[in-house]
Protein backbone atom coordinates (compact mmCIF):
# COMPACT_ATOMS: atom_id res chain seq x y z
CA MET A 1 76.24 78.90 76.49
CA ASP A 2 72.58 78.28 77.24
CA ASP A 3 69.92 79.58 74.76
CA LEU A 4 67.91 82.26 76.90
CA SER A 5 65.54 83.25 73.89
CA ASN A 6 62.76 81.43 75.35
CA MET A 7 62.82 83.19 78.65
CA GLN A 8 59.84 85.64 79.83
CA ILE A 9 62.13 88.31 81.29
CA THR A 10 64.06 90.92 79.31
CA LEU A 11 67.89 91.01 80.18
CA ASP A 12 68.76 94.62 80.33
CA LYS A 13 72.33 93.62 81.25
CA SER A 14 75.21 92.33 79.35
CA TYR A 15 75.99 88.50 80.40
CA PHE A 16 79.30 87.32 79.25
CA ALA A 17 78.62 83.82 80.29
CA THR A 18 75.46 81.75 81.00
CA PHE A 19 74.94 78.25 82.51
CA SER A 20 72.44 75.77 84.08
CA THR A 21 72.56 73.85 87.38
CA LYS A 22 71.38 70.19 87.40
CA ASN A 23 67.89 71.19 88.46
CA GLY A 24 67.26 73.38 85.57
CA GLU A 25 67.84 76.78 86.96
CA LYS A 26 69.62 79.30 84.75
CA TYR A 27 72.36 81.72 85.86
CA GLY A 28 74.44 84.44 84.19
CA LEU A 29 77.54 86.27 84.83
CA ARG A 30 78.39 89.91 84.08
CA LEU A 31 80.88 92.42 84.93
CA GLY A 32 80.20 94.28 88.31
CA GLU A 33 78.99 98.03 88.30
CA PRO A 34 79.46 100.44 91.35
CA ASP A 35 75.72 100.25 91.86
CA ASP A 36 76.33 96.69 93.01
CA ALA A 37 78.14 97.67 96.18
CA HIS A 38 75.28 97.41 98.10
CA GLN A 39 74.33 93.96 97.38
CA LEU A 40 77.98 92.92 97.48
CA ASN A 41 78.00 94.43 100.87
CA GLN A 42 75.28 92.44 102.03
CA ILE A 43 76.34 89.08 100.66
CA PHE A 44 79.75 89.61 102.48
CA TYR A 45 77.96 90.08 105.68
CA GLU A 46 75.46 87.07 105.15
CA ILE A 47 78.71 84.72 105.12
CA TYR A 48 81.07 86.37 107.21
CA GLU A 49 79.30 88.95 109.37
CA TYR A 50 82.12 91.55 110.04
CA ASN A 51 84.97 88.83 110.12
CA TYR A 52 85.88 88.95 106.50
CA VAL A 53 89.70 89.85 105.94
CA ASP A 54 89.09 92.71 103.96
CA PRO A 55 87.40 95.76 105.90
CA GLU A 56 86.87 97.40 102.41
CA VAL A 57 83.93 95.34 101.53
CA TYR A 58 81.99 96.77 104.39
CA ASP A 59 82.49 100.65 103.50
CA ILE A 60 80.00 101.14 100.68
CA SER A 61 81.84 104.43 99.45
CA LYS A 62 85.11 102.45 99.16
CA LEU A 63 83.47 99.26 97.64
CA LYS A 64 82.03 101.62 94.84
CA LYS A 65 85.48 103.15 94.07
CA HIS A 66 87.04 99.89 94.12
CA ILE A 67 84.46 98.51 91.57
CA ALA A 68 85.12 101.41 89.43
CA SER A 69 88.74 101.12 89.07
CA ASP A 70 90.18 100.12 85.81
CA LYS A 71 92.40 97.60 87.65
CA THR A 72 89.39 95.62 89.28
CA TYR A 73 87.03 93.41 87.37
CA TRP A 74 84.14 92.00 89.64
CA PHE A 75 82.14 89.57 88.08
CA ILE A 76 78.48 89.26 89.30
CA GLY A 77 76.38 85.80 89.55
CA GLU A 78 72.69 86.16 88.85
CA LYS A 79 69.68 83.79 88.81
CA PHE A 80 67.22 84.17 86.14
CA GLU A 81 63.60 83.94 87.21
CA SER A 82 60.61 84.83 85.36
CA THR A 83 60.33 88.41 85.94
CA LYS A 84 63.68 89.21 87.70
CA THR A 85 67.22 88.38 88.60
CA ILE A 86 68.70 87.70 91.94
CA MET A 87 72.32 88.23 92.58
CA VAL A 88 73.80 85.07 94.25
CA GLY A 89 77.36 85.45 94.47
CA ALA A 90 80.52 87.25 93.04
CA GLY A 91 84.20 87.05 92.40
CA LEU A 92 86.94 89.30 91.42
CA MET A 93 89.80 89.63 89.24
CA GLU A 94 92.44 92.23 89.84
CA ILE A 95 95.42 93.70 88.12
CA SER A 96 98.12 94.12 90.68
CA ASN A 97 100.83 95.40 88.47
CA TYR A 98 101.70 95.26 84.38
CA TYR A 99 102.36 91.38 84.73
CA THR A 100 100.19 90.00 87.35
CA SER A 101 96.51 89.54 87.91
CA ILE A 102 94.94 88.14 90.97
CA ALA A 103 91.83 85.82 91.35
CA GLU A 104 90.14 86.38 94.75
CA LYS A 105 87.05 86.90 96.72
CA LEU A 106 84.99 84.36 95.32
CA VAL A 107 81.52 84.37 97.59
CA ILE A 108 78.22 82.38 97.11
CA ARG A 109 75.22 83.41 99.16
CA PRO A 110 74.29 80.67 101.86
CA ASP A 111 71.05 79.88 100.46
CA TYR A 112 72.49 78.84 96.96
CA ARG A 113 75.65 76.66 98.21
CA GLY A 114 75.72 73.10 97.49
CA LEU A 115 74.65 73.67 93.85
CA GLY A 116 77.95 73.79 92.19
CA LEU A 117 77.62 77.57 91.46
CA ALA A 118 81.07 78.31 92.99
CA SER A 119 82.76 75.95 90.49
CA GLU A 120 80.54 77.20 87.52
CA MET A 121 81.17 80.80 88.51
CA GLY A 122 84.90 80.71 89.41
CA ALA A 123 85.90 78.87 86.23
CA LEU A 124 83.74 80.99 83.90
CA GLY A 125 84.51 84.17 85.38
CA ILE A 126 88.44 83.76 85.45
CA LEU A 127 88.58 82.34 82.03
CA ASN A 128 86.08 84.79 80.39
CA ILE A 129 87.76 88.00 82.13
CA LEU A 130 91.35 86.83 81.28
CA LYS A 131 90.12 87.35 77.39
CA LEU A 132 89.67 91.01 78.09
CA PRO A 133 92.16 93.57 76.45
CA ALA A 134 93.01 94.65 79.67
CA PHE A 135 94.99 91.27 80.44
CA LYS A 136 96.46 90.77 77.01
CA ASN A 137 100.09 91.67 78.53
CA ILE A 138 99.48 90.09 81.87
CA LEU A 139 101.87 87.13 82.38
CA ARG A 140 100.52 85.37 85.50
CA LEU A 141 97.48 84.81 87.19
CA ASN A 142 97.84 84.35 91.15
CA ALA A 143 95.41 83.01 93.35
CA GLU A 144 94.72 81.77 96.82
CA SER A 145 92.76 78.89 97.83
CA ARG A 146 91.70 78.08 101.47
CA ALA A 147 93.39 74.66 102.57
CA GLU A 148 89.95 73.83 104.14
CA SER A 149 88.04 73.74 100.74
CA LYS A 150 88.64 71.14 98.15
CA GLY A 151 86.30 72.87 96.06
CA ALA A 152 88.17 76.19 96.02
CA GLN A 153 91.21 74.41 95.18
CA ALA A 154 89.41 72.46 92.34
CA ILE A 155 88.47 75.74 90.78
CA MET A 156 92.25 76.71 90.56
CA GLU A 157 93.07 73.15 89.17
CA ASN A 158 90.50 73.39 86.61
CA THR A 159 91.53 76.88 85.38
CA GLY A 160 95.08 75.57 84.81
CA GLY A 161 96.49 76.80 88.03
CA THR A 162 99.53 75.04 89.90
CA ALA A 163 99.82 74.89 93.44
CA PHE A 164 103.21 76.27 94.51
CA GLY A 165 103.14 76.83 98.24
CA PHE A 166 101.16 76.83 101.58
CA ASN A 167 100.96 79.28 104.45
CA PRO A 168 99.09 77.77 107.41
CA ILE A 169 98.44 81.09 109.09
CA TYR A 170 98.26 83.39 105.99
CA ALA A 171 95.35 85.36 107.51
CA THR A 172 92.91 85.43 110.36
CA TRP A 173 89.01 85.87 110.72
CA GLY A 174 87.91 89.18 112.91
CA ASP A 175 86.38 92.44 112.69
CA ARG A 176 89.15 94.98 111.17
CA ARG A 177 86.84 97.87 110.83
CA ILE A 178 88.56 99.58 113.67
CA LEU A 179 91.92 99.63 111.71
CA ASN A 180 92.64 103.03 110.15
CA GLY A 181 95.76 104.56 108.29
CA LYS A 182 97.08 106.34 111.33
CA SER A 183 97.49 103.20 113.53
CA LYS A 184 100.68 101.58 113.42
CA LYS A 185 99.64 98.35 114.90
CA PRO A 186 99.09 95.18 113.07
CA TYR A 187 95.80 92.87 113.43
CA VAL A 188 97.04 89.73 115.07
CA LYS A 189 93.75 88.50 116.36
CA GLY A 190 91.53 85.85 115.37
CA ASP A 191 91.51 82.04 114.02
CA PRO A 192 94.14 81.35 111.33
CA ILE A 193 93.12 80.95 107.50
CA PRO A 194 95.54 78.24 106.02
CA VAL A 195 96.13 79.10 102.45
CA ILE A 196 97.59 77.23 99.35
CA PHE A 197 99.26 79.30 96.69
CA TYR A 198 98.32 79.05 93.00
CA VAL A 199 100.10 80.47 89.81
CA ARG A 200 98.61 80.05 86.38
CA PRO A 201 101.14 81.12 83.47
CA ILE A 202 99.34 82.99 80.61
CA ASN A 203 100.24 84.72 77.37
CA LYS A 204 103.86 84.92 76.85
CA PHE A 205 105.11 83.95 80.35
CA TRP A 206 107.45 81.06 79.30
CA LYS A 207 109.26 83.39 76.80
CA LYS A 208 109.72 85.93 79.56
CA ARG A 209 111.01 83.51 82.38
CA HIS A 210 114.50 82.96 82.89
CA SER A 211 115.41 79.28 82.67
CA VAL A 212 118.61 79.44 84.40
CA VAL A 213 118.09 78.82 88.16
CA TYR A 214 120.39 79.26 91.15
CA LEU A 215 119.10 77.18 94.11
CA LEU A 216 120.79 76.78 97.87
CA ASN A 217 121.99 73.57 98.30
CA ASP A 218 119.19 72.69 100.90
CA GLU A 219 117.05 69.72 101.04
CA ASP A 220 113.67 71.94 101.63
CA VAL A 221 114.58 74.47 98.68
CA PHE A 222 115.10 71.25 96.48
CA TYR A 223 111.92 69.67 97.62
CA PHE A 224 109.73 72.54 96.58
CA TYR A 225 111.47 73.18 93.14
CA ASP A 226 111.29 69.40 92.55
CA TYR A 227 107.40 69.53 92.98
CA ILE A 228 106.89 72.33 90.58
CA ILE A 229 109.34 70.96 88.04
CA LYS A 230 107.48 67.72 87.95
CA ASN A 231 104.26 69.52 87.37
CA ASN A 232 105.77 71.68 84.57
CA ARG A 233 107.14 69.97 81.36
CA LYS A 234 108.67 73.15 80.18
CA MET A 235 110.49 73.63 83.32
CA LYS A 236 111.80 70.14 83.00
CA LYS A 237 112.90 70.45 79.59
CA TYR A 238 114.65 73.65 79.50
CA ASP A 239 115.91 74.78 83.17
CA LEU A 240 119.39 74.66 83.92
CA THR A 241 119.67 74.34 87.78
CA ILE A 242 122.85 75.39 89.70
CA MET A 243 123.20 74.29 93.07
CA MET A 244 125.28 76.37 95.54
CA GLY A 245 126.14 76.11 99.39
CA ASP A 246 126.37 80.09 99.84
CA SER A 247 127.66 82.94 97.52
CA LYS A 248 130.43 85.68 98.01
CA ILE A 249 128.21 88.10 96.31
CA LYS A 250 126.39 90.03 99.16
CA TRP A 251 123.49 92.20 97.58
CA HIS A 252 120.78 94.30 98.87
CA ASN A 253 117.82 95.32 96.84
CA MET A 254 114.83 94.92 98.70
CA ARG A 255 111.06 95.82 98.48
CA ILE A 256 109.05 95.66 101.66
CA TYR A 257 105.40 95.78 101.96
CA GLU A 258 103.37 95.70 105.36
CA ASN A 259 99.62 94.44 105.40
CA LYS A 260 98.37 95.70 108.69
CA SER A 261 95.00 94.17 107.91
CA PHE A 262 96.65 90.54 107.54
CA GLY A 263 99.32 91.44 110.58
CA SER A 264 102.01 90.24 107.87
CA VAL A 265 105.17 91.56 106.18
CA HIS A 266 106.22 90.83 103.04
CA LEU A 267 109.86 90.79 101.69
CA GLU A 268 111.04 90.71 98.15
CA GLY A 269 114.78 90.55 96.96
CA CYS A 270 118.17 90.47 98.72
CA ILE A 271 119.30 91.64 101.86
CA HIS A 272 122.34 92.34 103.96
CA ASP A 273 123.00 90.32 107.34
CA ILE A 274 122.73 93.47 109.48
CA MET A 275 119.43 94.65 107.87
CA LEU A 276 117.91 91.27 108.11
CA LYS A 277 118.34 91.43 112.07
CA MET A 278 116.92 94.87 112.17
CA TYR A 279 113.67 93.73 110.55
CA LEU A 280 113.20 90.50 112.60
CA LYS A 281 113.49 92.95 115.60
CA LYS A 282 111.14 95.63 114.01
CA TYR A 283 108.52 93.30 113.17
CA SER A 284 108.60 90.72 116.07
CA LYS A 285 104.98 91.47 117.14
CA TRP A 286 103.55 91.02 113.66
CA ARG A 287 102.06 87.48 112.73
CA TYR A 288 104.71 86.67 110.24
CA ILE A 289 106.96 87.66 107.60
CA ASP A 290 107.36 86.15 104.29
CA TRP A 291 110.31 86.53 101.74
CA ARG A 292 110.76 86.01 98.40
CA ILE A 293 114.25 85.42 97.23
CA PRO A 294 115.08 85.61 93.60
CA THR A 295 116.68 82.29 92.06
CA THR A 296 119.87 84.24 91.02
CA GLU A 297 123.37 84.16 92.12
CA GLN A 298 122.81 87.36 94.05
CA GLY A 299 119.94 85.43 95.95
CA ILE A 300 122.16 82.41 97.21
CA HIS A 301 123.30 84.41 100.31
CA SER A 302 120.05 85.60 101.20
CA MET A 303 118.47 82.01 100.79
CA LYS A 304 121.49 81.12 103.48
CA LEU A 305 120.47 83.91 105.59
CA ALA A 306 116.82 83.00 105.70
CA LYS A 307 117.95 79.44 106.78
CA ASP A 308 120.29 80.49 109.25
CA ASN A 309 117.85 82.77 110.90
CA GLY A 310 114.61 80.46 111.50
CA PHE A 311 112.77 81.25 108.17
CA LYS A 312 110.96 78.02 106.67
CA VAL A 313 110.58 77.20 102.99
CA ILE A 314 106.82 77.25 102.22
CA GLY A 315 107.06 77.57 98.44
CA TYR A 316 108.63 77.94 95.09
CA ASP A 317 107.06 80.38 93.04
CA PHE A 318 108.23 80.41 89.44
CA GLY A 319 108.27 83.69 87.44
CA SER A 320 107.44 85.77 90.49
CA ILE A 321 110.02 88.62 90.42
CA VAL A 322 110.73 90.84 87.27
CA ASP A 323 113.92 92.23 86.51
CA PRO A 324 114.75 95.56 85.02
CA ASN A 325 114.57 94.13 81.39
CA GLY A 326 110.98 92.89 81.99
CA ASN A 327 112.06 89.20 82.21
CA LEU A 328 110.58 87.13 84.95
CA THR A 329 112.75 85.10 87.76
CA ASP A 330 111.47 82.54 90.14
CA SER A 331 111.85 82.89 93.80
CA VAL A 332 111.84 80.63 96.84
CA LEU A 333 109.00 81.64 99.09
CA TYR A 334 110.11 81.55 102.89
CA ALA A 335 108.38 82.25 106.01
CA TYR A 336 109.44 83.60 109.40
CA ILE A 337 106.79 82.77 112.39
CA PRO A 338 107.61 84.57 115.59
CA LYS A 339 105.20 82.41 117.70
CA LYS A 340 105.25 78.60 117.83
CA ILE A 341 102.36 76.89 115.86
CA LYS A 342 100.31 74.06 117.15
CA VAL A 343 100.52 71.91 114.13
CA SER A 344 97.75 69.80 115.50
CA THR A 345 95.17 72.58 114.57
CA PHE A 346 95.69 71.77 110.93
CA ASP A 347 94.61 67.90 111.44
CA THR A 348 91.36 68.31 109.77
CA LEU A 349 92.42 70.20 106.60
CA ASP A 350 90.51 69.22 103.48
CA VAL A 351 93.18 69.28 100.85
CA ILE A 352 93.12 67.73 97.31
CA LYS A 353 95.77 64.84 96.78
CA LYS A 354 97.85 66.78 94.43
CA CYS A 355 98.26 69.65 97.10
CA LYS A 356 98.95 67.18 99.99
CA PRO A 357 102.92 67.09 99.70
CA LEU A 358 103.13 70.78 99.74
CA VAL A 359 100.98 70.96 102.79
CA ASN A 360 102.55 68.20 104.83
CA ARG A 361 106.06 69.34 104.03
CA VAL A 362 105.42 72.72 105.46
CA LEU A 363 103.67 71.40 108.49
CA ASP A 364 106.46 68.85 109.20
CA SER A 365 109.23 71.76 108.85
CA LEU A 366 107.28 73.65 111.77
CA ASN A 367 107.77 70.59 114.00
CA ASN A 368 111.41 70.96 113.57
């Protein structure tokens, strides 16, 4: 951590990390406060105008409440000058449930790009906030990295994250301020944002994770599982893998979440045949449905249903579903995309070497 004692300004805020760029400029990171909402709003507008995927950042009152929540931890990056500080960027760590946190919304003002600030801020912000008491029982850190930015992918790699999947149309750019709670229509406009998914196991994750894994005997399922197990020694050493063609157990235990802003539907769990047909019809005008199916014997039949109904495997998310006893079960991540995708759209993706097998596998499957 840099020595700030020789600076002329008096730092009246508590910085949990400081660093310098190659040109000698000094920066600090601190936790966000509700009064930061106006400047945060300005940064998002400078970068995206009104096209950012989360319209909450454009509503000052909602943004203030979001910053004040005990589930959200914004970190603010400021440049130290002789008589003042300048907010140059920000990021967010959010506790989504009692075992999962999410790293998201890392932004750098346009005038300060190219200095390596994103890498420094992202790594220092994530690693320091994970040390806070509020995160002591969290078992997973989830994050999404745009597949068009090697820098964003490098941040996740440098903070211990493992890539586990890829969605070529995860979200879209566009002005969503017209959306409201009464409207039932999803947002389906805009250019797609391809995203690589990451997870970082933390605290007692490996003690809580089931090591008995049931998988559908399917080439795509095994490809993603094999990719993950090669990057996690503990899985390679302890996992007991059971391959099945189908299961006589037909289980229904499903959670459903509609993300109207993204135009997407998220399923988690197992489902009966007739219910799946109903959901595919109900959400036929949404952008896509993704489905996390647990790697249990009960989940095998749902994996078979997913394959038979046009779902594609886009990832293997280890330790992503919590059972009634508080233990973690892996899941196979599927996606159903109603409209055909032009794979050539993604020819210019800037993906680090380690992630290319995942990205190429998903894009190849969309051609078939």
